[in-house]
N, C-alpha and C. Protein backbone atom coordinates (compact mmCIF):
# COMPACT_ATOMS: atom_id res chain seq x y z
N MET A 1 -47.66 19.16 -44.06
CA MET A 1 -48.86 19.07 -43.25
C MET A 1 -50.37 18.95 -44.32
N VAL A 2 -50.96 18.18 -43.70
CA VAL A 2 -52.34 18.07 -44.42
C VAL A 2 -53.19 19.28 -44.19
N ALA A 3 -53.49 19.84 -45.27
CA ALA A 3 -54.93 20.91 -44.91
C ALA A 3 -56.17 20.18 -44.20
N PRO A 4 -56.76 21.18 -43.42
CA PRO A 4 -58.07 20.58 -42.88
C PRO A 4 -59.19 20.23 -43.99
N LEU A 5 -59.80 19.09 -43.49
CA LEU A 5 -60.80 18.93 -44.38
C LEU A 5 -62.14 19.70 -44.56
N LYS A 6 -62.83 19.89 -45.48
CA LYS A 6 -63.87 20.30 -45.37
C LYS A 6 -65.15 19.56 -45.35
N ARG A 7 -66.57 19.82 -44.93
CA ARG A 7 -67.36 18.78 -44.78
C ARG A 7 -67.72 18.09 -46.03
N ASN A 8 -67.49 18.78 -47.21
CA ASN A 8 -68.05 18.35 -48.38
C ASN A 8 -66.91 17.32 -48.92
N GLN A 9 -65.79 17.21 -48.30
CA GLN A 9 -64.78 16.11 -48.89
C GLN A 9 -64.52 15.03 -47.94
N PRO A 10 -65.41 14.46 -47.69
CA PRO A 10 -65.33 13.09 -46.71
C PRO A 10 -64.32 12.04 -47.60
N PHE A 11 -64.26 11.98 -48.87
CA PHE A 11 -63.62 11.06 -49.38
C PHE A 11 -62.09 11.26 -49.36
N LEU A 12 -61.48 12.63 -49.25
CA LEU A 12 -60.06 12.82 -49.14
C LEU A 12 -59.73 12.21 -47.59
N LYS A 13 -60.47 11.96 -46.60
CA LYS A 13 -60.25 11.49 -45.62
C LYS A 13 -59.70 9.99 -45.83
N GLU A 14 -60.59 9.27 -46.43
CA GLU A 14 -60.39 7.69 -46.92
C GLU A 14 -58.78 7.78 -47.79
N LYS A 15 -58.87 8.58 -48.51
CA LYS A 15 -57.59 8.78 -49.34
C LYS A 15 -56.22 8.99 -48.24
N ILE A 16 -56.50 9.84 -47.51
CA ILE A 16 -55.25 10.17 -46.41
C ILE A 16 -54.99 9.09 -45.87
N LEU A 17 -56.40 8.30 -44.86
CA LEU A 17 -55.91 7.10 -44.22
C LEU A 17 -54.99 5.96 -45.10
N LYS A 18 -55.46 5.65 -46.44
CA LYS A 18 -54.83 4.72 -47.18
C LYS A 18 -53.20 5.06 -47.35
N ILE A 19 -53.14 6.39 -47.51
CA ILE A 19 -51.63 6.90 -47.78
C ILE A 19 -50.84 6.81 -46.31
N GLU A 20 -51.88 6.92 -45.09
CA GLU A 20 -50.92 6.82 -44.00
C GLU A 20 -50.54 5.20 -43.54
N SER A 21 -51.50 4.48 -44.01
CA SER A 21 -51.31 2.91 -43.99
C SER A 21 -50.03 2.68 -44.77
N LEU A 22 -50.13 3.08 -45.97
CA LEU A 22 -48.80 2.72 -46.79
C LEU A 22 -47.62 3.03 -46.37
N LYS A 23 -47.52 4.23 -45.50
CA LYS A 23 -46.40 4.35 -44.79
C LYS A 23 -45.63 3.38 -43.50
N ARG A 24 -46.73 2.73 -43.22
CA ARG A 24 -46.22 1.67 -41.97
C ARG A 24 -45.75 0.29 -42.56
N VAL A 25 -45.65 0.42 -44.05
CA VAL A 25 -45.34 -1.07 -44.39
C VAL A 25 -44.18 -1.59 -44.12
N GLU A 26 -43.95 -2.70 -43.53
CA GLU A 26 -42.45 -3.10 -43.16
C GLU A 26 -41.62 -3.50 -44.29
N LEU A 27 -40.45 -3.47 -44.09
CA LEU A 27 -39.48 -3.62 -45.26
C LEU A 27 -38.76 -4.84 -44.88
N ILE A 28 -38.22 -5.59 -45.91
CA ILE A 28 -37.30 -6.77 -45.58
C ILE A 28 -35.82 -6.16 -45.99
N THR A 29 -34.96 -6.31 -44.61
CA THR A 29 -33.88 -5.66 -44.66
C THR A 29 -32.74 -6.92 -44.87
N ALA A 30 -31.87 -6.59 -45.96
CA ALA A 30 -30.99 -7.57 -46.00
C ALA A 30 -29.38 -7.22 -46.00
N ILE A 31 -28.59 -7.57 -45.78
CA ILE A 31 -27.14 -7.37 -45.16
C ILE A 31 -26.51 -8.11 -46.18
N VAL A 32 -25.79 -7.26 -47.45
CA VAL A 32 -25.00 -8.26 -48.48
C VAL A 32 -23.59 -7.97 -48.37
N LEU A 33 -23.06 -9.06 -48.04
CA LEU A 33 -21.59 -8.89 -47.75
C LEU A 33 -20.96 -9.32 -49.33
N LEU A 34 -19.90 -8.45 -49.74
CA LEU A 34 -19.48 -8.34 -51.04
C LEU A 34 -18.00 -8.68 -51.26
N LYS A 35 -17.40 -9.19 -52.21
CA LYS A 35 -16.17 -9.10 -52.49
C LYS A 35 -16.10 -8.58 -53.71
N ALA A 36 -15.05 -7.63 -53.78
CA ALA A 36 -14.57 -6.63 -54.78
C ALA A 36 -13.24 -6.64 -55.49
N ASP A 37 -13.29 -6.22 -56.91
CA ASP A 37 -11.71 -6.08 -56.99
C ASP A 37 -11.24 -5.03 -56.38
N VAL A 38 -10.12 -5.31 -55.80
CA VAL A 38 -9.71 -4.33 -54.57
C VAL A 38 -9.14 -2.90 -55.45
N HIS A 39 -8.95 -3.02 -56.75
CA HIS A 39 -8.34 -1.74 -57.05
C HIS A 39 -9.84 -0.67 -57.74
N SER A 40 -10.77 -1.26 -57.84
CA SER A 40 -12.33 -0.70 -58.10
C SER A 40 -13.24 -0.40 -56.96
N ILE A 41 -12.74 -0.73 -55.26
CA ILE A 41 -13.78 -0.65 -54.48
C ILE A 41 -14.87 0.59 -54.38
N PRO A 42 -13.88 1.77 -54.42
CA PRO A 42 -14.82 2.96 -54.45
C PRO A 42 -15.95 3.25 -55.35
N GLU A 43 -15.32 3.03 -56.72
CA GLU A 43 -16.33 3.03 -57.59
C GLU A 43 -17.48 1.96 -57.63
N THR A 44 -16.90 0.62 -57.28
CA THR A 44 -18.02 -0.36 -57.36
C THR A 44 -18.83 0.37 -55.71
N GLY A 45 -18.72 0.45 -54.93
CA GLY A 45 -19.06 1.01 -53.69
C GLY A 45 -20.46 2.09 -54.07
N GLN A 46 -19.56 2.83 -54.88
CA GLN A 46 -20.59 4.17 -55.11
C GLN A 46 -21.83 3.54 -56.21
N ALA A 47 -21.42 2.80 -57.06
CA ALA A 47 -22.29 2.39 -58.35
C ALA A 47 -23.47 1.28 -57.02
N ILE A 48 -23.06 0.87 -56.31
CA ILE A 48 -24.24 -0.14 -55.48
C ILE A 48 -24.86 0.96 -54.66
N ALA A 49 -24.10 1.73 -54.15
CA ALA A 49 -24.99 2.98 -53.34
C ALA A 49 -26.10 4.00 -54.12
N GLU A 50 -25.88 3.68 -55.34
CA GLU A 50 -26.98 4.70 -56.45
C GLU A 50 -28.16 3.69 -56.73
N LEU A 51 -28.25 2.54 -56.23
CA LEU A 51 -29.32 1.65 -56.47
C LEU A 51 -30.66 1.99 -55.42
N PRO A 52 -31.67 2.22 -55.78
CA PRO A 52 -32.79 3.26 -54.93
C PRO A 52 -33.16 1.93 -53.71
N ALA A 53 -32.85 0.58 -54.00
CA ALA A 53 -33.06 -0.30 -52.56
C ALA A 53 -32.08 -0.11 -51.65
N VAL A 54 -31.03 0.14 -51.98
CA VAL A 54 -29.79 0.18 -51.25
C VAL A 54 -29.82 1.41 -50.31
N SER A 55 -29.75 1.01 -49.05
CA SER A 55 -29.84 2.31 -48.08
C SER A 55 -28.08 2.86 -47.48
N GLU A 56 -27.53 1.87 -47.67
CA GLU A 56 -25.83 2.30 -47.26
C GLU A 56 -25.03 1.33 -47.84
N VAL A 57 -23.74 1.42 -47.96
CA VAL A 57 -22.68 0.71 -48.36
C VAL A 57 -21.59 1.14 -47.66
N TYR A 58 -21.04 -0.01 -46.99
CA TYR A 58 -19.74 0.36 -46.24
C TYR A 58 -18.60 -0.44 -46.72
N SER A 59 -17.50 0.26 -46.61
CA SER A 59 -16.30 -0.72 -47.05
C SER A 59 -15.81 -1.28 -45.72
N VAL A 60 -15.23 -2.26 -45.57
CA VAL A 60 -14.92 -2.93 -44.08
C VAL A 60 -13.55 -3.64 -44.55
N ALA A 61 -12.91 -3.98 -43.33
CA ALA A 61 -11.88 -4.65 -43.08
C ALA A 61 -12.10 -6.28 -42.87
N GLY A 62 -11.49 -6.72 -43.42
CA GLY A 62 -11.76 -8.40 -43.19
C GLY A 62 -11.85 -9.15 -44.37
N PRO A 63 -12.57 -10.23 -44.36
CA PRO A 63 -12.81 -11.19 -45.37
C PRO A 63 -13.58 -10.40 -46.74
N TRP A 64 -14.53 -9.59 -46.45
CA TRP A 64 -15.26 -9.11 -47.66
C TRP A 64 -14.85 -7.69 -47.63
N ASP A 65 -14.90 -7.26 -48.73
CA ASP A 65 -14.81 -5.82 -49.15
C ASP A 65 -15.51 -4.57 -48.84
N LEU A 66 -16.90 -5.06 -49.10
CA LEU A 66 -18.30 -3.99 -49.08
C LEU A 66 -19.10 -4.70 -48.31
N VAL A 67 -19.76 -4.02 -47.63
CA VAL A 67 -21.30 -4.73 -46.93
C VAL A 67 -22.37 -3.38 -47.46
N ALA A 68 -23.47 -3.71 -47.96
CA ALA A 68 -24.41 -3.09 -48.40
C ALA A 68 -25.68 -3.38 -47.62
N ILE A 69 -26.70 -2.43 -47.06
CA ILE A 69 -27.80 -2.66 -46.42
C ILE A 69 -28.85 -2.60 -47.65
N VAL A 70 -29.64 -3.52 -47.80
CA VAL A 70 -30.73 -3.37 -48.76
C VAL A 70 -32.06 -3.32 -48.13
N ARG A 71 -33.14 -2.60 -48.46
CA ARG A 71 -34.39 -2.72 -48.03
C ARG A 71 -35.66 -2.76 -49.09
N VAL A 72 -36.06 -3.67 -48.85
CA VAL A 72 -37.00 -3.74 -49.79
C VAL A 72 -38.52 -4.50 -49.51
N HIS A 73 -39.46 -4.36 -50.25
CA HIS A 73 -41.10 -4.75 -49.80
C HIS A 73 -41.32 -6.39 -50.00
N ASN A 74 -40.59 -7.10 -50.50
CA ASN A 74 -40.79 -8.49 -50.68
C ASN A 74 -39.55 -9.34 -51.25
N GLN A 75 -39.79 -10.66 -51.08
CA GLN A 75 -38.46 -11.37 -51.48
C GLN A 75 -38.18 -11.45 -53.22
N GLU A 76 -39.25 -11.27 -53.84
CA GLU A 76 -38.99 -11.24 -55.20
C GLU A 76 -38.13 -9.70 -55.71
N GLU A 77 -38.36 -8.80 -54.74
CA GLU A 77 -37.71 -7.61 -54.92
C GLU A 77 -36.09 -7.87 -54.71
N LEU A 78 -36.08 -8.50 -53.66
CA LEU A 78 -34.69 -9.00 -52.81
C LEU A 78 -33.84 -9.66 -53.98
N ALA A 79 -34.68 -10.76 -54.34
CA ALA A 79 -33.77 -11.35 -55.49
C ALA A 79 -33.27 -10.52 -56.99
N ASP A 80 -34.37 -9.50 -57.36
CA ASP A 80 -33.98 -8.94 -58.39
C ASP A 80 -32.70 -7.85 -58.22
N VAL A 81 -33.02 -7.15 -56.76
CA VAL A 81 -31.87 -6.34 -56.44
C VAL A 81 -30.33 -7.11 -56.45
N ILE A 82 -30.42 -8.31 -55.66
CA ILE A 82 -29.25 -9.00 -55.69
C ILE A 82 -28.62 -9.50 -56.93
N THR A 83 -29.42 -10.62 -57.66
CA THR A 83 -29.07 -11.28 -58.64
C THR A 83 -29.00 -10.14 -60.02
N ASP A 84 -29.81 -9.44 -60.02
CA ASP A 84 -29.73 -8.77 -61.48
C ASP A 84 -29.15 -7.39 -61.38
N LYS A 85 -29.05 -6.87 -60.14
CA LYS A 85 -28.58 -5.53 -60.22
C LYS A 85 -27.11 -5.38 -59.52
N ILE A 86 -26.95 -5.99 -58.10
CA ILE A 86 -25.70 -5.97 -57.38
C ILE A 86 -24.65 -6.60 -57.85
N ASP A 87 -24.97 -8.11 -58.16
CA ASP A 87 -24.26 -9.09 -58.49
C ASP A 87 -23.90 -8.61 -59.98
N LYS A 88 -24.28 -8.06 -60.71
CA LYS A 88 -23.73 -7.87 -62.39
C LYS A 88 -23.07 -6.70 -62.24
N ILE A 89 -22.99 -5.65 -61.05
CA ILE A 89 -22.00 -4.57 -61.31
C ILE A 89 -20.61 -5.03 -61.64
N PRO A 90 -19.78 -4.10 -62.32
CA PRO A 90 -18.70 -4.59 -62.66
C PRO A 90 -17.85 -4.49 -61.09
N GLY A 91 -16.77 -5.42 -61.19
CA GLY A 91 -16.10 -5.33 -60.01
C GLY A 91 -16.66 -6.46 -58.80
N ILE A 92 -17.75 -6.62 -58.85
CA ILE A 92 -18.24 -7.74 -57.82
C ILE A 92 -17.78 -9.13 -58.33
N ALA A 93 -16.86 -9.76 -57.12
CA ALA A 93 -16.57 -10.83 -57.68
C ALA A 93 -17.33 -12.10 -56.72
N ALA A 94 -17.68 -11.58 -55.71
CA ALA A 94 -18.84 -12.64 -54.81
C ALA A 94 -19.69 -11.84 -53.89
N SER A 95 -20.61 -12.67 -53.47
CA SER A 95 -21.78 -11.90 -52.64
C SER A 95 -22.19 -12.97 -51.49
N GLU A 96 -22.67 -12.82 -50.38
CA GLU A 96 -23.07 -13.18 -49.56
C GLU A 96 -24.48 -12.37 -48.98
N THR A 97 -25.72 -13.03 -48.95
CA THR A 97 -26.81 -12.17 -48.36
C THR A 97 -27.33 -12.83 -47.05
N LEU A 98 -27.53 -11.76 -46.01
CA LEU A 98 -27.97 -12.31 -44.68
C LEU A 98 -29.54 -11.44 -44.61
N VAL A 99 -30.49 -12.20 -44.12
CA VAL A 99 -31.94 -11.89 -44.37
C VAL A 99 -32.02 -11.27 -42.88
N GLY A 100 -32.35 -9.90 -42.59
CA GLY A 100 -32.65 -9.65 -41.07
C GLY A 100 -34.09 -10.16 -40.59
N LEU A 101 -34.07 -10.89 -39.55
CA LEU A 101 -35.30 -11.33 -39.17
C LEU A 101 -35.90 -10.61 -38.05
N GLN A 102 -35.12 -9.70 -37.30
CA GLN A 102 -35.68 -9.20 -36.08
C GLN A 102 -34.72 -8.00 -35.91
N VAL A 103 -35.30 -6.74 -35.60
CA VAL A 103 -34.71 -5.76 -35.18
C VAL A 103 -34.33 -5.41 -33.98
N PHE A 104 -33.09 -4.98 -33.43
CA PHE A 104 -33.31 -4.52 -32.06
C PHE A 104 -32.17 -3.67 -31.87
N SER A 105 -33.17 -2.37 -31.91
CA SER A 105 -32.76 -0.98 -31.96
C SER A 105 -32.13 -0.43 -30.42
N ARG A 106 -31.30 0.04 -30.49
CA ARG A 106 -30.87 0.74 -28.81
C ARG A 106 -32.15 1.00 -28.08
N HIS A 107 -33.03 1.53 -28.69
CA HIS A 107 -34.04 1.63 -27.62
C HIS A 107 -34.67 0.51 -27.17
N ASP A 108 -35.09 -0.54 -28.05
CA ASP A 108 -35.17 -1.67 -27.87
C ASP A 108 -34.79 -2.53 -26.84
N LEU A 109 -33.22 -2.44 -27.00
CA LEU A 109 -32.20 -3.29 -26.04
C LEU A 109 -32.37 -2.51 -24.70
N GLU A 110 -32.35 -1.31 -24.61
CA GLU A 110 -32.71 -0.55 -23.42
C GLU A 110 -33.78 -0.85 -22.35
N ARG A 111 -34.87 -1.02 -23.24
CA ARG A 111 -36.00 -1.44 -22.75
C ARG A 111 -36.09 -3.08 -22.33
N LEU A 112 -35.56 -3.89 -23.20
CA LEU A 112 -35.16 -5.25 -22.76
C LEU A 112 -34.69 -5.55 -21.54
N PHE A 113 -33.27 -4.81 -21.46
CA PHE A 113 -32.78 -4.93 -20.48
C PHE A 113 -32.90 -4.17 -18.97
N SER A 114 -33.98 -3.15 -19.32
CA SER A 114 -34.29 -2.55 -17.84
C SER A 114 -36.14 -2.80 -17.49
N LEU A 115 -36.53 -4.10 -18.17
CA LEU A 115 -37.88 -4.77 -17.55
C LEU A 115 -38.02 -4.62 -16.08
N GLY A 116 -38.85 -4.03 -15.52
CA GLY A 116 -39.04 -4.47 -13.98
C GLY A 116 -37.81 -3.53 -13.37
N TYR A 117 -37.14 -2.69 -13.85
CA TYR A 117 -35.85 -2.24 -13.04
C TYR A 117 -36.14 -0.67 -13.17
N GLU A 118 -36.26 0.18 -12.55
CA GLU A 118 -36.51 1.65 -12.71
C GLU A 118 -35.24 2.17 -11.92
N GLN A 119 -34.83 3.19 -12.11
CA GLN A 119 -33.66 3.79 -11.59
C GLN A 119 -33.71 4.02 -10.18
N THR A 120 -34.88 4.10 -9.73
CA THR A 120 -34.76 3.98 -8.05
C THR A 120 -34.76 2.65 -7.64
N ASP A 121 -35.14 1.52 -8.41
CA ASP A 121 -34.77 -0.09 -8.04
C ASP A 121 -33.18 -0.24 -7.93
N GLU A 122 -32.53 0.24 -8.97
CA GLU A 122 -31.26 0.12 -9.43
C GLU A 122 -30.41 0.99 -8.02
N GLN A 123 -31.00 2.29 -7.65
CA GLN A 123 -30.23 2.65 -6.93
C GLN A 123 -30.47 1.73 -5.29
N SER A 124 -31.47 1.44 -5.23
CA SER A 124 -31.60 0.64 -3.62
C SER A 124 -30.92 -0.58 -3.89
N TYR A 125 -30.56 -1.14 -4.75
CA TYR A 125 -29.84 -2.69 -5.08
C TYR A 125 -28.43 -2.05 -4.68
N GLY A 126 -28.11 -0.65 -5.30
CA GLY A 126 -26.68 -0.39 -4.77
C GLY A 126 -26.40 -0.12 -3.54
N GLN A 127 -27.51 0.44 -2.91
CA GLN A 127 -27.55 0.93 -1.38
C GLN A 127 -27.62 -0.36 -0.60
N ALA A 128 -28.15 -1.58 -0.94
CA ALA A 128 -28.08 -2.94 -0.45
C ALA A 128 -26.90 -3.27 -0.19
N TYR A 129 -26.45 -3.43 -1.53
CA TYR A 129 -24.84 -3.67 -1.65
C TYR A 129 -23.80 -3.30 -0.65
N GLU A 130 -23.90 -1.68 -0.65
CA GLU A 130 -23.12 -0.90 0.14
C GLU A 130 -23.27 -1.49 1.46
N GLN A 131 -24.43 -1.47 2.10
CA GLN A 131 -24.62 -1.79 3.42
C GLN A 131 -24.24 -2.88 3.73
N GLY A 132 -24.27 -4.13 3.14
CA GLY A 132 -23.98 -5.34 3.11
C GLY A 132 -22.48 -5.46 3.22
N SER A 133 -21.80 -4.81 2.38
CA SER A 133 -20.21 -4.85 2.47
C SER A 133 -19.74 -4.05 3.85
N GLU A 134 -20.34 -3.29 4.60
CA GLU A 134 -20.03 -2.47 5.59
C GLU A 134 -20.10 -3.61 6.73
N THR A 135 -21.04 -4.48 6.88
CA THR A 135 -21.24 -5.36 7.92
C THR A 135 -20.26 -6.65 7.86
N ARG A 136 -19.47 -6.82 6.87
CA ARG A 136 -18.68 -7.76 6.61
C ARG A 136 -17.44 -7.66 7.46
């Protein structure tokens, strides 16, 4: 928590506002699909997870062995993380990178599908349906 500013410290307010604006920087999220040597998947996954730009690594079933979630500030940083770091980790045989375009969080999806319909509306639709079926 930031301490209250004194009247003779107005420059601190400007610095705090700059820091606050830096916190809101949007990151590029990439999903990196990886094929790895089957005998070194745990070690390879751990090595990937230790990279600062990698937020999560999963071992998965299917045609890919590992999935890494990468978050970076720009395309150049993404290229560096993928080609100069992840792809050079021993045990990595192939990779495919998917760049996230839009996030749909659970909260956003609930809001999207509930536009114009509040709980009372849903209840009234259910009641109308029940009443309609009683008259048939």
